[in-house]
Amino acid sequence: MPLWKRTLRYVGTLLGILGVLIGIIEAYPWLSIHEIDSVDPANPYGYIFNVVNEGYVPLTDLDAHCFPTFVMGRSVVAHNHFHSDHFADYLGHADTVTIPCFRIAQKLLIGSEYENGSILDIEITYAFWHLNFRYLRRSAIFHFVSTSGTEGSQHWIFEH
């Protein structure tokens, strides 16, 4: 077989493998989170967040784990864990669902004065295509730190 035909075959094979890899990466679920609104502007834990599936593989059986660390004056209240099992059944490509952390954490310290530096970590765990086996489940963690706005309300800043 001539060299140019072998080279063409290798290049074609390489492009095929590269195409399959790009397809797998594009299909893999990428979660993003968006702050929507607040039920109490003075309480940073009252903000409503939505999670979006940016990938093409549908996600199922979503759980939310919320880890707030409250900073109030000189007091720091840490090691809190609120969870909401199965808050969404299905999340397809570009679908959005509200994360229930605002309901849980807001009830704990209503009317408290919050300081800059309060923390909220949100972990979303999910399964692929109803394959809800523990070793196949994946998760995404989002880390937020609060800061005061000019009008005195609290806001979240996303940190990597």
N, C-alpha and C. Protein backbone atom coordinates (compact mmCIF):
# COMPACT_ATOMS: atom_id res chain seq x y z
N MET A 1 0.85 -1.17 0.00
CA MET A 1 0.00 0.00 0.00
C MET A 1 0.90 1.24 0.00
N PRO A 2 0.59 2.22 -0.84
CA PRO A 2 1.42 3.42 -0.90
C PRO A 2 1.38 4.21 0.41
N LEU A 3 2.43 4.96 0.63
CA LEU A 3 2.58 5.74 1.86
C LEU A 3 1.44 6.75 2.03
N TRP A 4 1.03 7.40 0.95
CA TRP A 4 -0.02 8.42 1.09
C TRP A 4 -1.36 7.81 1.51
N LYS A 5 -1.63 6.56 1.12
CA LYS A 5 -2.87 5.90 1.53
C LYS A 5 -2.81 5.51 3.01
N ARG A 6 -1.65 5.02 3.45
CA ARG A 6 -1.49 4.68 4.87
C ARG A 6 -1.60 5.93 5.73
N THR A 7 -0.98 7.02 5.28
CA THR A 7 -1.04 8.27 6.02
C THR A 7 -2.48 8.77 6.10
N LEU A 8 -3.19 8.69 5.01
CA LEU A 8 -4.59 9.10 4.96
C LEU A 8 -5.44 8.25 5.91
N ARG A 9 -5.18 6.96 5.96
CA ARG A 9 -5.91 6.06 6.85
C ARG A 9 -5.64 6.41 8.32
N TYR A 10 -4.36 6.68 8.68
CA TYR A 10 -4.03 7.06 10.05
C TYR A 10 -4.65 8.39 10.44
N VAL A 11 -4.62 9.34 9.53
CA VAL A 11 -5.23 10.65 9.80
C VAL A 11 -6.74 10.50 9.98
N GLY A 12 -7.37 9.69 9.15
CA GLY A 12 -8.81 9.44 9.26
C GLY A 12 -9.17 8.77 10.58
N THR A 13 -8.37 7.79 10.99
CA THR A 13 -8.59 7.11 12.26
C THR A 13 -8.42 8.08 13.42
N LEU A 14 -7.39 8.90 13.38
CA LEU A 14 -7.13 9.88 14.44
C LEU A 14 -8.27 10.89 14.53
N LEU A 15 -8.76 11.37 13.39
CA LEU A 15 -9.88 12.31 13.40
C LEU A 15 -11.15 11.66 13.93
N GLY A 16 -11.37 10.39 13.62
CA GLY A 16 -12.52 9.66 14.15
C GLY A 16 -12.47 9.53 15.66
N ILE A 17 -11.30 9.15 16.18
CA ILE A 17 -11.13 9.03 17.64
C ILE A 17 -11.31 10.38 18.31
N LEU A 18 -10.74 11.41 17.73
CA LEU A 18 -10.88 12.76 18.26
C LEU A 18 -12.34 13.20 18.27
N GLY A 19 -13.08 12.88 17.22
CA GLY A 19 -14.51 13.21 17.15
C GLY A 19 -15.32 12.52 18.24
N VAL A 20 -15.01 11.25 18.48
CA VAL A 20 -15.71 10.51 19.53
C VAL A 20 -15.40 11.11 20.90
N LEU A 21 -14.15 11.45 21.16
CA LEU A 21 -13.78 12.07 22.44
C LEU A 21 -14.47 13.42 22.64
N ILE A 22 -14.53 14.23 21.60
CA ILE A 22 -15.22 15.52 21.70
C ILE A 22 -16.71 15.30 21.96
N GLY A 23 -17.30 14.32 21.33
CA GLY A 23 -18.71 14.00 21.56
C GLY A 23 -18.98 13.58 23.00
N ILE A 24 -18.10 12.76 23.55
CA ILE A 24 -18.26 12.33 24.95
C ILE A 24 -18.13 13.52 25.89
N ILE A 25 -17.16 14.38 25.65
CA ILE A 25 -16.97 15.56 26.50
C ILE A 25 -18.19 16.49 26.41
N GLU A 26 -18.71 16.69 25.23
CA GLU A 26 -19.89 17.55 25.05
C GLU A 26 -21.12 16.96 25.73
N ALA A 27 -21.26 15.65 25.71
CA ALA A 27 -22.44 15.01 26.28
C ALA A 27 -22.38 14.96 27.80
N TYR A 28 -21.19 14.98 28.39
CA TYR A 28 -21.05 14.86 29.84
C TYR A 28 -21.77 16.02 30.53
N PRO A 29 -22.49 15.75 31.61
CA PRO A 29 -23.24 16.82 32.27
C PRO A 29 -22.32 17.83 32.97
N TRP A 30 -22.57 19.09 32.72
CA TRP A 30 -21.87 20.19 33.38
C TRP A 30 -22.94 21.00 34.09
N LEU A 31 -22.86 21.09 35.40
CA LEU A 31 -23.86 21.84 36.15
C LEU A 31 -23.39 23.27 36.34
N SER A 32 -24.32 24.19 36.21
CA SER A 32 -24.06 25.59 36.56
C SER A 32 -25.14 26.03 37.53
N ILE A 33 -24.85 27.06 38.29
CA ILE A 33 -25.78 27.53 39.31
C ILE A 33 -25.98 29.02 39.12
N HIS A 34 -27.22 29.47 39.33
CA HIS A 34 -27.56 30.87 39.14
C HIS A 34 -28.38 31.37 40.33
N GLU A 35 -27.99 32.54 40.85
CA GLU A 35 -28.75 33.18 41.91
C GLU A 35 -29.95 33.87 41.27
N ILE A 36 -31.13 33.62 41.79
CA ILE A 36 -32.35 34.12 41.16
C ILE A 36 -32.91 35.33 41.92
N ASP A 37 -33.26 35.16 43.17
CA ASP A 37 -33.94 36.20 43.93
C ASP A 37 -33.74 35.91 45.41
N SER A 38 -34.21 36.81 46.24
CA SER A 38 -34.11 36.61 47.68
C SER A 38 -35.47 36.74 48.32
N VAL A 39 -35.76 35.88 49.27
CA VAL A 39 -36.99 36.00 50.04
C VAL A 39 -36.80 36.93 51.22
N ASP A 40 -35.51 37.25 51.57
CA ASP A 40 -35.19 38.18 52.65
C ASP A 40 -33.82 38.79 52.33
N PRO A 41 -33.77 40.04 51.82
CA PRO A 41 -32.49 40.64 51.41
C PRO A 41 -31.46 40.76 52.52
N ALA A 42 -31.88 40.82 53.78
CA ALA A 42 -30.92 40.94 54.89
C ALA A 42 -30.31 39.59 55.25
N ASN A 43 -30.93 38.52 54.83
CA ASN A 43 -30.47 37.18 55.16
C ASN A 43 -29.88 36.53 53.91
N PRO A 44 -28.56 36.35 53.85
CA PRO A 44 -27.98 35.77 52.64
C PRO A 44 -28.47 34.34 52.37
N TYR A 45 -28.91 33.64 53.41
CA TYR A 45 -29.37 32.27 53.22
C TYR A 45 -30.78 32.20 52.64
N GLY A 46 -31.41 33.35 52.45
CA GLY A 46 -32.73 33.39 51.84
C GLY A 46 -32.71 33.52 50.33
N TYR A 47 -31.51 33.48 49.73
CA TYR A 47 -31.42 33.58 48.27
C TYR A 47 -31.83 32.26 47.62
N ILE A 48 -32.46 32.39 46.48
CA ILE A 48 -32.91 31.23 45.72
C ILE A 48 -31.92 30.98 44.59
N PHE A 49 -31.46 29.74 44.49
CA PHE A 49 -30.52 29.34 43.45
C PHE A 49 -31.19 28.30 42.55
N ASN A 50 -30.89 28.40 41.27
CA ASN A 50 -31.30 27.38 40.31
C ASN A 50 -30.07 26.66 39.80
N VAL A 51 -30.19 25.37 39.55
CA VAL A 51 -29.11 24.60 38.94
C VAL A 51 -29.56 24.23 37.53
N VAL A 52 -28.60 24.30 36.59
CA VAL A 52 -28.88 24.04 35.18
C VAL A 52 -27.96 22.94 34.69
N ASN A 53 -28.51 22.00 33.94
CA ASN A 53 -27.71 20.95 33.31
C ASN A 53 -27.23 21.48 31.96
N GLU A 54 -25.95 21.83 31.86
CA GLU A 54 -25.39 22.38 30.63
C GLU A 54 -24.96 21.28 29.66
N GLY A 55 -24.95 20.04 30.12
CA GLY A 55 -24.57 18.93 29.24
C GLY A 55 -25.78 18.33 28.55
N TYR A 56 -25.55 17.32 27.73
CA TYR A 56 -26.63 16.70 26.97
C TYR A 56 -27.16 15.42 27.60
N VAL A 57 -26.43 14.82 28.53
CA VAL A 57 -26.88 13.61 29.20
C VAL A 57 -27.89 14.00 30.28
N PRO A 58 -29.08 13.41 30.28
CA PRO A 58 -30.06 13.75 31.32
C PRO A 58 -29.62 13.23 32.69
N LEU A 59 -29.91 14.02 33.71
CA LEU A 59 -29.59 13.66 35.09
C LEU A 59 -30.87 13.30 35.81
N THR A 60 -30.77 12.38 36.75
CA THR A 60 -31.95 11.96 37.51
C THR A 60 -31.60 11.86 38.98
N ASP A 61 -32.63 11.80 39.81
CA ASP A 61 -32.50 11.55 41.25
C ASP A 61 -31.54 12.54 41.91
N LEU A 62 -31.81 13.83 41.77
CA LEU A 62 -30.93 14.87 42.30
C LEU A 62 -31.16 15.07 43.79
N ASP A 63 -30.07 15.15 44.55
CA ASP A 63 -30.09 15.45 45.98
C ASP A 63 -29.30 16.74 46.19
N ALA A 64 -29.71 17.51 47.19
CA ALA A 64 -28.99 18.74 47.54
C ALA A 64 -28.50 18.63 48.98
N HIS A 65 -27.24 18.99 49.18
CA HIS A 65 -26.65 19.05 50.50
C HIS A 65 -26.14 20.47 50.69
N CYS A 66 -26.63 21.15 51.72
CA CYS A 66 -26.29 22.55 51.98
C CYS A 66 -25.48 22.61 53.27
N PHE A 67 -24.34 23.28 53.19
CA PHE A 67 -23.43 23.40 54.33
C PHE A 67 -23.21 24.87 54.64
N PRO A 68 -24.11 25.49 55.45
CA PRO A 68 -23.91 26.90 55.78
C PRO A 68 -22.96 27.07 56.96
N THR A 69 -22.18 28.14 56.92
CA THR A 69 -21.35 28.57 58.04
C THR A 69 -21.75 30.01 58.34
N PHE A 70 -22.45 30.21 59.44
CA PHE A 70 -22.98 31.52 59.80
C PHE A 70 -21.93 32.34 60.52
N VAL A 71 -21.74 33.58 60.12
CA VAL A 71 -20.86 34.52 60.82
C VAL A 71 -21.75 35.65 61.33
N MET A 72 -21.85 35.76 62.67
CA MET A 72 -22.68 36.78 63.30
C MET A 72 -21.86 37.44 64.40
N GLY A 73 -21.33 38.63 64.11
CA GLY A 73 -20.45 39.29 65.08
C GLY A 73 -19.19 38.48 65.24
N ARG A 74 -18.90 38.13 66.48
CA ARG A 74 -17.70 37.32 66.75
C ARG A 74 -18.00 35.83 66.79
N SER A 75 -19.23 35.47 66.53
CA SER A 75 -19.62 34.06 66.58
C SER A 75 -19.60 33.46 65.18
N VAL A 76 -19.11 32.24 65.12
CA VAL A 76 -19.14 31.47 63.87
C VAL A 76 -19.83 30.15 64.19
N VAL A 77 -20.91 29.90 63.49
CA VAL A 77 -21.65 28.66 63.67
C VAL A 77 -21.40 27.82 62.43
N ALA A 78 -20.60 26.77 62.60
CA ALA A 78 -20.21 25.94 61.46
C ALA A 78 -20.71 24.51 61.66
N HIS A 79 -20.34 23.66 60.74
CA HIS A 79 -20.65 22.22 60.78
C HIS A 79 -22.15 21.96 60.72
N ASN A 80 -22.87 22.81 60.00
CA ASN A 80 -24.28 22.56 59.76
C ASN A 80 -24.41 21.78 58.45
N HIS A 81 -25.39 20.92 58.41
CA HIS A 81 -25.63 20.16 57.19
C HIS A 81 -27.13 19.98 57.03
N PHE A 82 -27.65 20.55 55.97
CA PHE A 82 -29.05 20.37 55.63
C PHE A 82 -29.09 19.63 54.30
N HIS A 83 -29.98 18.69 54.20
CA HIS A 83 -30.07 17.98 52.93
C HIS A 83 -31.53 17.83 52.50
N SER A 84 -31.68 17.73 51.22
CA SER A 84 -32.98 17.50 50.62
C SER A 84 -32.80 16.38 49.61
N ASP A 85 -33.18 15.19 50.03
CA ASP A 85 -33.04 14.04 49.15
C ASP A 85 -34.10 14.09 48.05
N HIS A 86 -33.66 13.80 46.86
CA HIS A 86 -34.57 13.64 45.72
C HIS A 86 -35.41 14.89 45.47
N PHE A 87 -34.75 16.06 45.41
CA PHE A 87 -35.49 17.30 45.17
C PHE A 87 -35.89 17.46 43.71
N ALA A 88 -35.32 16.67 42.81
CA ALA A 88 -35.73 16.68 41.40
C ALA A 88 -35.58 15.27 40.84
N ASP A 89 -36.57 14.85 40.06
CA ASP A 89 -36.54 13.52 39.45
C ASP A 89 -35.70 13.49 38.18
N TYR A 90 -35.77 14.57 37.38
CA TYR A 90 -35.17 14.56 36.05
C TYR A 90 -34.69 15.96 35.70
N LEU A 91 -33.51 16.05 35.10
CA LEU A 91 -32.95 17.33 34.65
C LEU A 91 -32.30 17.09 33.29
N GLY A 92 -33.03 17.42 32.23
CA GLY A 92 -32.52 17.23 30.88
C GLY A 92 -31.60 18.36 30.46
N HIS A 93 -31.17 18.33 29.21
CA HIS A 93 -30.28 19.37 28.68
C HIS A 93 -30.95 20.74 28.79
N ALA A 94 -30.24 21.69 29.39
CA ALA A 94 -30.67 23.09 29.58
C ALA A 94 -31.88 23.22 30.50
N ASP A 95 -32.28 22.17 31.18
CA ASP A 95 -33.37 22.27 32.15
C ASP A 95 -32.86 22.93 33.42
N THR A 96 -33.78 23.57 34.13
CA THR A 96 -33.47 24.30 35.35
C THR A 96 -34.36 23.80 36.48
N VAL A 97 -33.81 23.74 37.68
CA VAL A 97 -34.60 23.37 38.86
C VAL A 97 -34.08 24.20 40.04
N THR A 98 -34.99 24.56 40.95
CA THR A 98 -34.63 25.35 42.12
C THR A 98 -34.05 24.45 43.20
N ILE A 99 -32.93 24.88 43.75
CA ILE A 99 -32.28 24.14 44.83
C ILE A 99 -32.96 24.54 46.14
N PRO A 100 -33.40 23.60 46.97
CA PRO A 100 -34.20 23.93 48.15
C PRO A 100 -33.41 24.42 49.36
N CYS A 101 -32.17 24.80 49.22
CA CYS A 101 -31.37 25.24 50.37
C CYS A 101 -31.96 26.47 51.05
N PHE A 102 -32.59 27.36 50.30
CA PHE A 102 -33.12 28.59 50.90
C PHE A 102 -34.20 28.30 51.94
N ARG A 103 -34.98 27.26 51.75
CA ARG A 103 -36.04 26.92 52.71
C ARG A 103 -35.47 26.40 54.03
N ILE A 104 -34.44 25.62 53.92
CA ILE A 104 -33.89 24.95 55.10
C ILE A 104 -33.07 25.93 55.94
N ALA A 105 -32.09 26.59 55.33
CA ALA A 105 -31.19 27.46 56.08
C ALA A 105 -31.88 28.72 56.56
N GLN A 106 -32.86 29.21 55.85
CA GLN A 106 -33.53 30.45 56.25
C GLN A 106 -34.29 30.26 57.56
N LYS A 107 -34.84 29.11 57.80
CA LYS A 107 -35.63 28.87 59.01
C LYS A 107 -34.77 28.84 60.27
N LEU A 108 -33.51 28.55 60.13
CA LEU A 108 -32.66 28.36 61.30
C LEU A 108 -32.44 29.65 62.09
N LEU A 109 -32.11 30.75 61.40
CA LEU A 109 -31.72 31.97 62.10
C LEU A 109 -32.46 33.19 61.54
N ILE A 110 -33.77 33.17 61.53
CA ILE A 110 -34.56 34.29 61.03
C ILE A 110 -34.34 35.49 61.94
N GLY A 111 -34.09 36.65 61.34
CA GLY A 111 -33.92 37.88 62.10
C GLY A 111 -32.52 38.08 62.66
N SER A 112 -31.58 37.22 62.38
CA SER A 112 -30.22 37.36 62.87
C SER A 112 -29.46 38.37 62.01
N GLU A 113 -28.43 38.96 62.59
CA GLU A 113 -27.56 39.89 61.86
C GLU A 113 -26.38 39.10 61.31
N TYR A 114 -26.21 39.12 60.01
CA TYR A 114 -25.14 38.37 59.37
C TYR A 114 -24.00 39.31 59.02
N GLU A 115 -22.80 38.80 59.07
CA GLU A 115 -21.60 39.55 58.73
C GLU A 115 -21.07 39.07 57.38
N ASN A 116 -20.21 39.89 56.78
CA ASN A 116 -19.50 39.44 55.58
C ASN A 116 -18.69 38.20 55.95
N GLY A 117 -18.56 37.30 55.01
CA GLY A 117 -17.76 36.10 55.24
C GLY A 117 -18.58 34.89 55.61
N SER A 118 -19.90 35.03 55.74
CA SER A 118 -20.72 33.84 55.92
C SER A 118 -20.54 32.97 54.68
N ILE A 119 -20.63 31.67 54.86
CA ILE A 119 -20.31 30.73 53.77
C ILE A 119 -21.50 29.83 53.50
N LEU A 120 -21.68 29.49 52.25
CA LEU A 120 -22.66 28.49 51.86
C LEU A 120 -22.03 27.59 50.82
N ASP A 121 -21.90 26.32 51.15
CA ASP A 121 -21.45 25.31 50.20
C ASP A 121 -22.66 24.46 49.83
N ILE A 122 -22.87 24.29 48.53
CA ILE A 122 -23.97 23.49 48.03
C ILE A 122 -23.39 22.33 47.22
N GLU A 123 -23.77 21.13 47.59
CA GLU A 123 -23.35 19.95 46.84
C GLU A 123 -24.58 19.31 46.22
N ILE A 124 -24.54 19.15 44.91
CA ILE A 124 -25.62 18.50 44.17
C ILE A 124 -25.11 17.13 43.73
N THR A 125 -25.79 16.08 44.16
CA THR A 125 -25.44 14.73 43.72
C THR A 125 -26.52 14.25 42.77
N TYR A 126 -26.13 13.43 41.79
CA TYR A 126 -27.06 13.02 40.74
C TYR A 126 -26.64 11.70 40.14
N ALA A 127 -27.59 11.12 39.41
CA ALA A 127 -27.35 9.87 38.68
C ALA A 127 -27.54 10.13 37.19
N PHE A 128 -27.00 9.27 36.36
CA PHE A 128 -27.18 9.35 34.91
C PHE A 128 -28.31 8.42 34.49
N TRP A 129 -29.26 8.90 33.70
CA TRP A 129 -30.29 8.06 33.08
C TRP A 129 -30.93 7.04 34.03
N HIS A 130 -31.24 7.41 35.20
CA HIS A 130 -31.86 6.54 36.21
C HIS A 130 -30.96 5.38 36.64
N LEU A 131 -29.68 5.46 36.37
CA LEU A 131 -28.73 4.46 36.86
C LEU A 131 -28.28 4.90 38.24
N ASN A 132 -29.17 4.79 39.20
CA ASN A 132 -28.96 5.34 40.54
C ASN A 132 -28.26 4.33 41.45
N PHE A 133 -27.02 4.01 41.09
CA PHE A 133 -26.19 3.14 41.91
C PHE A 133 -25.14 4.01 42.58
N ARG A 134 -24.85 3.75 43.83
CA ARG A 134 -23.97 4.60 44.62
C ARG A 134 -22.64 4.86 43.93
N TYR A 135 -22.04 3.87 43.35
CA TYR A 135 -20.72 4.04 42.74
C TYR A 135 -20.78 4.78 41.40
N LEU A 136 -21.96 4.92 40.81
CA LEU A 136 -22.11 5.67 39.56
C LEU A 136 -22.55 7.12 39.78
N ARG A 137 -23.00 7.46 40.99
CA ARG A 137 -23.47 8.82 41.26
C ARG A 137 -22.29 9.80 41.21
N ARG A 138 -22.59 10.98 40.75
CA ARG A 138 -21.58 12.05 40.65
C ARG A 138 -22.08 13.25 41.44
N SER A 139 -21.19 14.22 41.68
CA SER A 139 -21.59 15.41 42.42
C SER A 139 -20.85 16.63 41.89
N ALA A 140 -21.43 17.77 42.20
CA ALA A 140 -20.83 19.07 41.90
C ALA A 140 -20.97 19.92 43.16
N ILE A 141 -19.89 20.61 43.52
CA ILE A 141 -19.88 21.45 44.72
C ILE A 141 -19.71 22.90 44.31
N PHE A 142 -20.54 23.77 44.91
CA PHE A 142 -20.49 25.20 44.65
C PHE A 142 -20.22 25.91 45.98
N HIS A 143 -19.26 26.83 45.99
CA HIS A 143 -18.83 27.52 47.21
C HIS A 143 -19.13 29.01 47.09
N PHE A 144 -19.85 29.55 48.07
CA PHE A 144 -20.23 30.95 48.07
C PHE A 144 -19.81 31.62 49.38
N VAL A 145 -19.43 32.89 49.28
CA VAL A 145 -19.10 33.71 50.46
C VAL A 145 -19.96 34.97 50.39
N SER A 146 -20.52 35.39 51.53
CA SER A 146 -21.42 36.54 51.52
C SER A 146 -20.64 37.85 51.64
N THR A 147 -21.24 38.89 51.10
CA THR A 147 -20.71 40.24 51.20
C THR A 147 -21.89 41.20 51.26
N SER A 148 -21.67 42.37 51.88
CA SER A 148 -22.74 43.36 52.00
C SER A 148 -22.79 44.24 50.77
N GLY A 149 -24.00 44.53 50.33
CA GLY A 149 -24.20 45.48 49.25
C GLY A 149 -24.23 46.89 49.80
N THR A 150 -24.24 47.87 48.92
CA THR A 150 -24.24 49.28 49.35
C THR A 150 -25.52 49.64 50.08
N GLU A 151 -26.61 48.95 49.80
CA GLU A 151 -27.89 49.23 50.45
C GLU A 151 -28.06 48.44 51.75
N GLY A 152 -27.03 47.68 52.14
CA GLY A 152 -27.07 46.93 53.40
C GLY A 152 -27.53 45.50 53.27
N SER A 153 -27.97 45.08 52.10
CA SER A 153 -28.40 43.69 51.93
C SER A 153 -27.19 42.80 51.70
N GLN A 154 -27.37 41.53 51.93
CA GLN A 154 -26.30 40.54 51.76
C GLN A 154 -26.42 39.89 50.38
N HIS A 155 -25.27 39.59 49.79
CA HIS A 155 -25.21 38.93 48.48
C HIS A 155 -24.16 37.84 48.53
N TRP A 156 -24.29 36.87 47.62
CA TRP A 156 -23.33 35.76 47.53
C TRP A 156 -22.35 36.01 46.39
N ILE A 157 -21.10 35.68 46.66
CA ILE A 157 -20.06 35.70 45.65
C ILE A 157 -19.60 34.27 45.45
N PHE A 158 -19.63 33.82 44.21
CA PHE A 158 -19.22 32.46 43.88
C PHE A 158 -17.69 32.40 43.87
N GLU A 159 -17.13 31.42 44.57
CA GLU A 159 -15.68 31.20 44.58
C GLU A 159 -15.40 29.80 44.07
N HIS A 160 -14.32 29.66 43.37
CA HIS A 160 -13.94 28.34 42.83
C HIS A 160 -13.26 27.52 43.87
